[in-house]
Protein backbone atom coordinates (compact mmCIF):
# COMPACT_ATOMS: atom_id res chain seq x y z
CA MET A 1 -4.39 -15.42 8.33
CA ARG A 2 -3.12 -13.28 11.17
CA LEU A 3 -4.03 -9.64 11.41
CA ASP A 4 -2.21 -6.96 13.34
CA GLU A 5 -4.06 -4.39 15.43
CA HIS A 6 -4.30 -1.90 12.57
CA ALA A 7 -5.79 -4.49 10.19
CA LEU A 8 -8.20 -5.66 12.84
CA GLN A 9 -9.42 -2.09 13.37
CA ALA A 10 -9.88 -1.64 9.60
CA LEU A 11 -11.70 -4.93 9.39
CA GLY A 12 -13.95 -3.84 12.30
CA GLN A 13 -14.82 -0.65 10.46
CA LEU A 14 -15.85 -2.60 7.38
CA GLU A 15 -17.86 -5.09 9.44
CA ALA A 16 -19.59 -2.16 11.19
CA THR A 17 -21.18 -1.27 7.85
CA GLY A 18 -23.06 -4.59 7.96
CA MET A 19 -20.64 -6.60 5.82
CA SER A 20 -19.71 -10.07 6.82
CA ARG A 21 -16.09 -10.71 7.68
CA SER A 22 -15.65 -12.69 4.40
CA ASP A 23 -17.25 -9.93 2.34
CA ALA A 24 -15.19 -7.24 4.03
CA ILE A 25 -11.93 -9.12 3.36
CA ARG A 26 -12.96 -9.84 -0.23
CA LYS A 27 -13.87 -6.23 -0.83
CA ALA A 28 -10.59 -4.97 0.70
CA LEU A 29 -8.52 -7.37 -1.41
CA VAL A 30 -10.29 -6.44 -4.73
CA GLU A 31 -10.01 -2.72 -3.98
CA ALA A 32 -6.33 -3.02 -3.06
CA ALA A 33 -5.61 -4.82 -6.28
CA PHE A 34 -7.51 -2.23 -8.23
CA ARG A 35 -5.59 0.61 -6.60
CA LEU A 36 -2.25 -1.18 -7.33
CA GLN A 37 -3.22 -1.57 -11.01
CA ASP A 38 -4.42 2.05 -11.11
CA MET A 39 -1.03 3.18 -9.75
CA LYS A 40 0.78 1.11 -12.40
CA THR A 41 -1.45 2.58 -15.12
CA LEU A 42 -0.77 6.10 -13.83
CA ALA A 43 3.00 5.49 -13.66
CA SER A 44 2.90 4.24 -17.25
CA GLU A 45 1.01 7.31 -18.43
CA VAL A 46 3.45 9.61 -16.62
CA ALA A 47 6.41 7.84 -18.20
CA ALA A 48 4.82 8.24 -21.63
CA LEU A 49 4.24 11.92 -21.06
CA GLU A 50 7.75 12.47 -19.82
CA ALA A 51 9.08 10.77 -22.94
CA ASP A 52 7.00 13.00 -25.20
CA GLU A 53 9.25 15.88 -26.20
CA ASP A 54 6.42 17.94 -27.77
CA ASP A 55 4.38 17.62 -24.56
CA ARG A 56 7.33 18.65 -22.39
CA LEU A 57 7.91 21.74 -24.59
CA GLU A 58 4.20 22.60 -24.32
CA MET A 59 4.33 22.25 -20.54
CA VAL A 60 7.30 24.69 -20.40
CA ALA A 61 5.48 27.13 -22.61
CA VAL A 62 2.37 26.97 -20.46
CA ALA A 63 4.44 27.42 -17.30
CA ASP A 64 6.19 30.45 -18.92
CA LEU A 65 2.80 31.91 -19.88
CA MET A 66 1.45 31.40 -16.38
CA GLU A 67 4.54 33.00 -14.87
CA SER A 68 4.18 36.04 -17.18
CA LEU A 69 0.57 36.46 -16.11
CA ARG A 70 1.34 36.31 -12.37
CA ALA A 71 0.89 39.52 -10.47
CA PRO A 72 4.11 41.20 -9.36
CA GLU A 73 5.00 40.70 -5.70
């Protein structure tokens, strides 16, 4: 595996915590995969909310209420 300068710096930061190179790489891979899955889950939840007409109507009602409570400029 070849690492660019940015990746080498990040690896160095992880190793500076006392982790071995193997542990640092393992940890980084697992966390990156978790974040990717988390983003997919979030995107799925956003799509479900956008498809929910009742929820969209409630968001508009809340936004209208908040606007009516805002102090005049």
